[in-house]
């Protein structure tokens, strides 16, 4: 079963923690410890998010340089905690914003952060460093665009009340810093005919071999039905299709014996599997809960069962 947590329940739990700390005169450190503990147990661990770096030291200041300490650093996401109720005070909010901006600029000078940013650029994406200020009740987002060197504060005035949508946004920022985006270029690199899954793991060859030597009559029945429907839609030539076998891990001698139509069916089966799993991943990300990655869960027995059902045919 996929793990999920109701975001409304979790946001209410965090607000309850803030109230308890405020009532007992607790500190922002008390808030950080308790909130981080809840997030770790209910969000980060189930989602496979690595542990953050607490009290992370970073050089800040332009002239009189000194060390600042980031409350919690998740990849490219900076968490800055304040005492419950403090973000409603304009002075505290502005000071926290300036401090977070300094932290972000300090991170940009660190070699490991620069490497992370360059990897993001290499994939054609815009690198963002995100600051999240919160006091248990309210949240302010600080986004820095590493390409334009511009900061964006949301909201521009005041702060968002913590609610399921705001919490979902916090989670998405953290998760995004550790996961690839679902983008056409990334998908082509990971699953296309030049990818390792094709060249080294020989995914298409395996599916093709199961089609050529099926273990059940259902496989041929499905293939014949596909062939009938496909031939009605457009003209296909097995001889022409055989030529693309070289792109899917077949050797020169193997290509001479390849059935082009069955190879094409194997290729379509492969991509249909990828699309179905990706659709489930997208649905998991945008469902009205904080789902764990479908792909992470599916790597376990569930996906193996799906794959066996494909390969048995």
Protein backbone atom coordinates (compact mmCIF):
# COMPACT_ATOMS: atom_id res chain seq x y z
CA UNK A 1 0.00 0.00 0.00
CA UNK A 2 1.30 3.48 -0.86
CA UNK A 3 2.15 5.64 2.10
CA UNK A 4 0.26 8.88 2.48
CA UNK A 5 -0.57 11.40 5.15
CA UNK A 6 -3.46 13.82 5.30
CA UNK A 7 -1.95 17.28 4.98
CA UNK A 8 -4.75 18.95 6.92
CA UNK A 9 -4.13 16.69 9.90
CA UNK A 10 -0.40 17.34 9.72
CA UNK A 11 -0.74 21.12 9.41
CA UNK A 12 -3.11 21.09 12.41
CA UNK A 13 -0.58 19.03 14.35
CA UNK A 14 2.17 21.56 13.62
CA UNK A 15 -0.10 24.45 14.67
CA UNK A 16 -0.89 22.58 17.89
CA UNK A 17 2.84 22.21 18.56
CA UNK A 18 3.31 25.95 18.01
CA UNK A 19 0.51 26.75 20.46
CA UNK A 20 2.01 24.52 23.13
CA UNK A 21 5.45 26.09 22.72
CA UNK A 22 4.00 29.60 22.75
CA UNK A 23 1.94 28.87 25.89
CA UNK A 24 4.99 27.56 27.77
CA UNK A 25 7.32 30.34 26.62
CA UNK A 26 9.39 28.01 24.47
CA UNK A 27 12.02 29.04 21.93
CA UNK A 28 12.40 28.76 18.16
CA UNK A 29 14.80 25.88 18.86
CA UNK A 30 12.00 24.05 20.67
CA UNK A 31 9.79 24.57 17.62
CA UNK A 32 12.50 23.38 15.24
CA UNK A 33 13.19 20.19 17.18
CA UNK A 34 9.54 19.19 17.49
CA UNK A 35 8.46 20.14 13.97
CA UNK A 36 11.49 18.51 12.37
CA UNK A 37 10.77 15.35 14.36
CA UNK A 38 7.20 15.23 13.04
CA UNK A 39 8.26 15.94 9.46
CA UNK A 40 10.95 13.27 9.61
CA UNK A 41 8.57 10.60 10.85
CA UNK A 42 5.56 11.44 8.69
CA UNK A 43 7.05 12.95 5.52
CA UNK A 44 10.79 12.79 4.95
CA UNK A 45 11.52 9.18 5.96
CA UNK A 46 8.55 7.71 4.01
CA UNK A 47 9.49 9.83 0.98
CA UNK A 48 13.14 8.83 1.22
CA UNK A 49 14.36 12.40 1.75
CA UNK A 50 17.92 12.45 3.18
CA UNK A 51 18.44 13.92 6.63
CA UNK A 52 19.02 17.69 6.55
CA UNK A 53 22.08 19.48 7.85
CA UNK A 54 21.17 21.22 11.10
CA UNK A 55 22.89 24.39 12.30
CA UNK A 56 24.73 24.47 8.98
CA UNK A 57 27.53 27.05 9.05
CA UNK A 58 27.76 29.40 6.07
CA UNK A 59 29.85 32.53 5.48
CA UNK A 60 27.70 35.66 5.29
CA UNK A 61 28.31 39.39 4.94
CA UNK A 62 30.05 41.37 2.21
CA UNK A 63 32.55 43.41 4.21
CA UNK A 64 32.58 42.20 7.82
CA UNK A 65 32.26 38.52 6.99
CA UNK A 66 31.12 36.15 9.68
CA UNK A 67 29.49 32.76 10.09
CA UNK A 68 25.74 32.29 10.02
CA UNK A 69 23.89 29.13 11.00
CA UNK A 70 21.06 27.74 8.88
CA UNK A 71 18.46 26.03 11.07
CA UNK A 72 17.98 23.18 8.58
CA UNK A 73 19.36 22.74 5.07
CA UNK A 74 17.67 20.29 2.69
CA UNK A 75 19.68 20.29 -0.53
CA UNK A 76 18.87 23.73 -1.96
CA UNK A 77 16.13 24.51 0.56
CA UNK A 78 16.87 26.67 3.61
CA UNK A 79 14.61 26.41 6.68
CA UNK A 80 14.58 29.38 9.06
CA UNK A 81 12.49 28.88 12.21
CA UNK A 82 11.12 31.70 14.37
CA UNK A 83 9.33 31.63 17.72
CA UNK A 84 5.60 30.91 17.37
CA UNK A 85 3.74 34.07 16.40
CA UNK A 86 6.89 36.08 15.56
CA UNK A 87 6.37 36.23 11.80
CA UNK A 88 3.30 38.42 12.31
CA UNK A 89 5.68 41.14 13.50
CA UNK A 90 6.94 43.24 10.59
CA UNK A 91 10.39 43.82 12.09
CA UNK A 92 10.99 40.14 12.80
CA UNK A 93 9.78 39.18 9.32
CA UNK A 94 12.09 41.68 7.60
CA UNK A 95 15.10 40.67 9.69
CA UNK A 96 14.46 37.00 8.99
CA UNK A 97 14.15 37.72 5.27
CA UNK A 98 17.48 39.56 5.18
CA UNK A 99 19.16 36.78 7.14
CA UNK A 100 17.77 34.13 4.79
CA UNK A 101 18.97 36.09 1.76
CA UNK A 102 22.44 36.23 3.31
CA UNK A 103 22.38 32.49 3.86
CA UNK A 104 21.42 31.90 0.23
CA UNK A 105 24.19 34.16 -1.07
CA UNK A 106 26.62 32.38 1.23
CA UNK A 107 25.58 29.00 -0.13
CA UNK A 108 26.28 30.18 -3.67
CA UNK A 109 29.96 30.50 -2.75
CA UNK A 110 30.24 26.85 -1.69
CA UNK A 111 31.73 24.38 -4.17
CA UNK A 112 29.21 21.57 -3.56
CA UNK A 113 26.27 23.95 -4.04
CA UNK A 114 27.77 25.30 -7.29
CA UNK A 115 28.20 21.74 -8.57
CA UNK A 116 24.55 21.00 -7.72
CA UNK A 117 23.43 24.14 -9.56
CA UNK A 118 25.50 23.28 -12.66
CA UNK A 119 23.97 19.82 -12.82
CA UNK A 120 20.52 21.43 -12.81
CA UNK A 121 21.57 23.75 -15.65
CA UNK A 122 23.00 20.83 -17.64
CA UNK A 123 19.51 19.30 -17.70
CA UNK A 124 18.10 22.56 -19.06
CA UNK A 125 16.35 23.66 -15.86
CA UNK A 126 16.47 26.90 -13.91
CA UNK A 127 18.29 26.43 -10.58
CA UNK A 128 16.36 27.81 -7.62
CA UNK A 129 17.41 28.11 -4.00
CA UNK A 130 14.40 28.35 -1.72
CA UNK A 131 14.17 29.82 1.76
CA UNK A 132 11.26 28.82 4.00
CA UNK A 133 10.56 31.00 7.03
CA UNK A 134 8.00 29.73 9.47
CA UNK A 135 6.91 30.03 13.07
CA UNK A 136 4.47 27.14 13.23
CA UNK A 137 1.53 29.36 12.37
CA UNK A 138 2.70 31.25 9.30
CA UNK A 139 5.11 30.79 6.38
CA UNK A 140 7.05 33.08 4.04
CA UNK A 141 8.81 31.80 0.92
CA UNK A 142 12.04 33.26 -0.48
CA UNK A 143 13.00 32.06 -3.97
CA UNK A 144 16.35 32.90 -5.54
CA UNK A 145 16.81 32.39 -9.30
CA UNK A 146 20.48 31.49 -9.82
CA UNK A 147 20.26 32.41 -13.53
CA UNK A 148 18.82 35.91 -13.10
CA UNK A 149 20.23 36.55 -9.59
CA UNK A 150 16.78 37.73 -8.51
CA UNK A 151 14.93 37.16 -5.25
CA UNK A 152 11.18 36.68 -5.09
CA UNK A 153 9.35 36.98 -1.78
CA UNK A 154 5.93 35.34 -1.38
CA UNK A 155 3.76 36.85 -0.12
CA UNK A 156 5.26 40.29 -0.68
CA UNK A 157 3.62 41.54 2.51
CA UNK A 158 2.74 39.54 5.60
CA UNK A 159 2.81 35.74 5.60
CA UNK A 160 0.73 32.75 4.53
CA UNK A 161 -1.24 30.96 7.22
CA UNK A 162 -0.09 27.35 7.48
CA UNK A 163 -2.63 25.14 5.72
CA UNK A 164 -2.59 21.99 3.56
CA UNK A 165 -1.73 23.90 0.37
CA UNK A 166 1.17 25.75 2.00
CA UNK A 167 2.44 22.54 3.58
CA UNK A 168 2.19 20.76 0.23
CA UNK A 169 4.29 23.52 -1.29
CA UNK A 170 6.95 23.16 1.42
CA UNK A 171 7.08 19.42 0.81
CA UNK A 172 7.28 19.84 -2.97
CA UNK A 173 10.25 22.23 -2.68
CA UNK A 174 12.18 19.80 -0.51
CA UNK A 175 11.31 16.73 -2.58
CA UNK A 176 12.20 18.54 -5.83
CA UNK A 177 15.73 19.23 -4.65
CA UNK A 178 16.40 15.47 -4.48
CA UNK A 179 14.33 14.17 -7.39
CA UNK A 180 14.47 14.56 -11.15
CA UNK A 181 11.72 16.52 -12.81
CA UNK A 182 9.39 14.69 -15.15
CA UNK A 183 10.57 16.40 -18.31
CA UNK A 184 10.75 15.19 -21.93
CA UNK A 185 14.52 15.62 -22.16
CA UNK A 186 15.19 13.81 -18.90
CA UNK A 187 12.79 10.99 -19.82
CA UNK A 188 14.45 10.57 -23.22
CA UNK A 189 17.87 10.37 -21.58
CA UNK A 190 16.70 7.85 -18.99
CA UNK A 191 14.43 5.65 -21.10
CA UNK A 192 15.18 6.36 -24.77
CA UNK A 193 17.07 4.05 -27.13
CA UNK A 194 20.40 5.55 -26.07
CA UNK A 195 19.77 5.01 -22.35
CA UNK A 196 21.48 2.41 -20.17
CA UNK A 197 18.21 0.59 -19.62
CA UNK A 198 18.21 -0.15 -23.37
CA UNK A 199 21.93 -0.50 -24.06
CA UNK A 200 23.03 -2.31 -20.89
CA UNK A 201 19.89 -3.83 -19.40
CA UNK A 202 18.49 -4.78 -22.82
CA UNK A 203 14.88 -4.09 -21.86
CA UNK A 204 13.57 -4.30 -25.44
CA UNK A 205 15.50 -7.48 -26.19
CA UNK A 206 13.99 -9.15 -23.14
CA UNK A 207 10.44 -8.18 -24.10
CA UNK A 208 11.08 -9.24 -27.70
CA UNK A 209 12.40 -12.64 -26.62
CA UNK A 210 9.27 -13.22 -24.52
CA UNK A 211 7.15 -12.39 -27.54
CA UNK A 212 9.08 -14.70 -29.87
CA UNK A 213 9.01 -17.54 -27.34
CA UNK A 214 5.76 -16.94 -25.40
CA UNK A 215 4.76 -19.00 -22.40
CA UNK A 216 1.03 -18.52 -22.99
CA UNK A 217 -1.41 -18.24 -25.88
CA UNK A 218 -2.58 -14.88 -24.55
CA UNK A 219 0.64 -13.23 -25.72
CA UNK A 220 0.13 -14.14 -29.37
CA UNK A 221 -3.55 -13.26 -29.14
CA UNK A 222 -2.67 -9.77 -27.89
CA UNK A 223 0.02 -9.41 -30.55
CA UNK A 224 -2.34 -10.45 -33.37
CA UNK A 225 -5.01 -8.06 -32.13
CA UNK A 226 -2.44 -5.23 -32.01
CA UNK A 227 -1.20 -6.11 -35.50
CA UNK A 228 -4.71 -5.99 -36.92
CA UNK A 229 -5.51 -2.61 -35.35
CA UNK A 230 -2.13 -1.10 -36.25
CA UNK A 231 -2.27 -2.20 -39.88
CA UNK A 232 -5.68 -0.53 -40.20
CA UNK A 233 -4.31 2.74 -38.84
CA UNK A 234 -1.20 2.99 -41.04
CA UNK A 235 1.02 0.95 -43.29
CA UNK A 236 3.86 -0.83 -41.48
CA UNK A 237 6.71 -2.85 -42.92
CA UNK A 238 8.52 -5.50 -40.92
CA UNK A 239 11.54 -5.17 -43.18
CA UNK A 240 11.82 -1.45 -42.51
CA UNK A 241 11.23 -1.85 -38.79
CA UNK A 242 13.99 -4.45 -38.56
CA UNK A 243 16.53 -1.71 -39.30
CA UNK A 244 15.95 -0.04 -35.94
CA UNK A 245 16.94 -3.21 -34.05
CA UNK A 246 20.52 -1.96 -33.89
CA UNK A 247 19.34 0.89 -31.65
CA UNK A 248 17.92 -1.55 -29.12
CA UNK A 249 20.91 -3.78 -28.42
CA UNK A 250 20.68 -6.34 -31.21
CA UNK A 251 23.89 -7.50 -32.90
CA UNK A 252 24.40 -7.64 -36.68
CA UNK A 253 23.79 -11.39 -36.89
CA UNK A 254 20.71 -11.12 -34.66
CA UNK A 255 19.22 -8.38 -36.82
CA UNK A 256 19.04 -10.71 -39.83
CA UNK A 257 16.60 -12.92 -37.91
CA UNK A 258 14.60 -10.19 -36.18
CA UNK A 259 10.87 -10.01 -36.87
CA UNK A 260 10.40 -6.26 -37.37
CA UNK A 261 6.72 -6.26 -36.49
CA UNK A 262 7.26 -8.15 -33.24
CA UNK A 263 10.15 -5.84 -32.41
CA UNK A 264 7.87 -2.84 -32.93
CA UNK A 265 5.26 -4.41 -30.64
CA UNK A 266 7.95 -4.99 -27.98
CA UNK A 267 9.02 -1.34 -28.26
CA UNK A 268 5.45 -0.10 -27.90
CA UNK A 269 4.93 -2.42 -24.92
CA UNK A 270 8.07 -1.05 -23.26
CA UNK A 271 6.99 2.58 -23.65
CA UNK A 272 3.42 1.84 -22.59
CA UNK A 273 4.82 0.38 -19.35
CA UNK A 274 6.95 3.49 -18.78
CA UNK A 275 3.99 5.80 -19.42
CA UNK A 276 1.70 3.90 -17.05
CA UNK A 277 4.22 3.97 -14.21
CA UNK A 278 4.95 7.67 -14.82
CA UNK A 279 1.23 8.43 -14.82
CA UNK A 280 0.97 6.77 -11.41
CA UNK A 281 3.98 8.79 -10.20
CA UNK A 282 2.41 12.06 -11.34
CA UNK A 283 -0.90 11.13 -9.75
CA UNK A 284 0.93 10.31 -6.52
CA UNK A 285 2.62 13.72 -6.50
CA UNK A 286 -0.58 15.69 -7.06
CA UNK A 287 -3.05 13.61 -5.07
CA UNK A 288 -4.71 15.43 -2.18
CA UNK A 289 -2.21 13.97 0.25
CA UNK A 290 1.54 13.76 0.57
CA UNK A 291 2.13 10.48 -1.23
CA UNK A 292 5.46 8.78 -1.24
CA UNK A 293 6.95 8.33 -4.68
CA UNK A 294 5.03 5.64 -6.55
CA UNK A 295 8.27 4.60 -8.24
CA UNK A 296 10.09 4.19 -4.93
CA UNK A 297 7.32 1.96 -3.59
CA UNK A 298 6.91 0.17 -6.88
CA UNK A 299 10.54 -0.91 -6.94
CA UNK A 300 9.46 -3.38 -4.31
CA UNK A 301 7.30 -6.49 -4.82
CA UNK A 302 4.41 -4.59 -6.44
CA UNK A 303 6.34 -3.55 -9.55
CA UNK A 304 8.03 -6.93 -9.80
CA UNK A 305 4.56 -8.47 -9.92
CA UNK A 306 3.55 -6.09 -12.73
CA UNK A 307 6.68 -6.85 -14.71
CA UNK A 308 6.21 -10.60 -14.25
CA UNK A 309 2.67 -10.29 -15.59
CA UNK A 310 4.06 -8.63 -18.73
CA UNK A 311 6.91 -11.08 -19.16
CA UNK A 312 4.89 -14.22 -18.49
CA UNK A 313 2.78 -13.58 -21.55
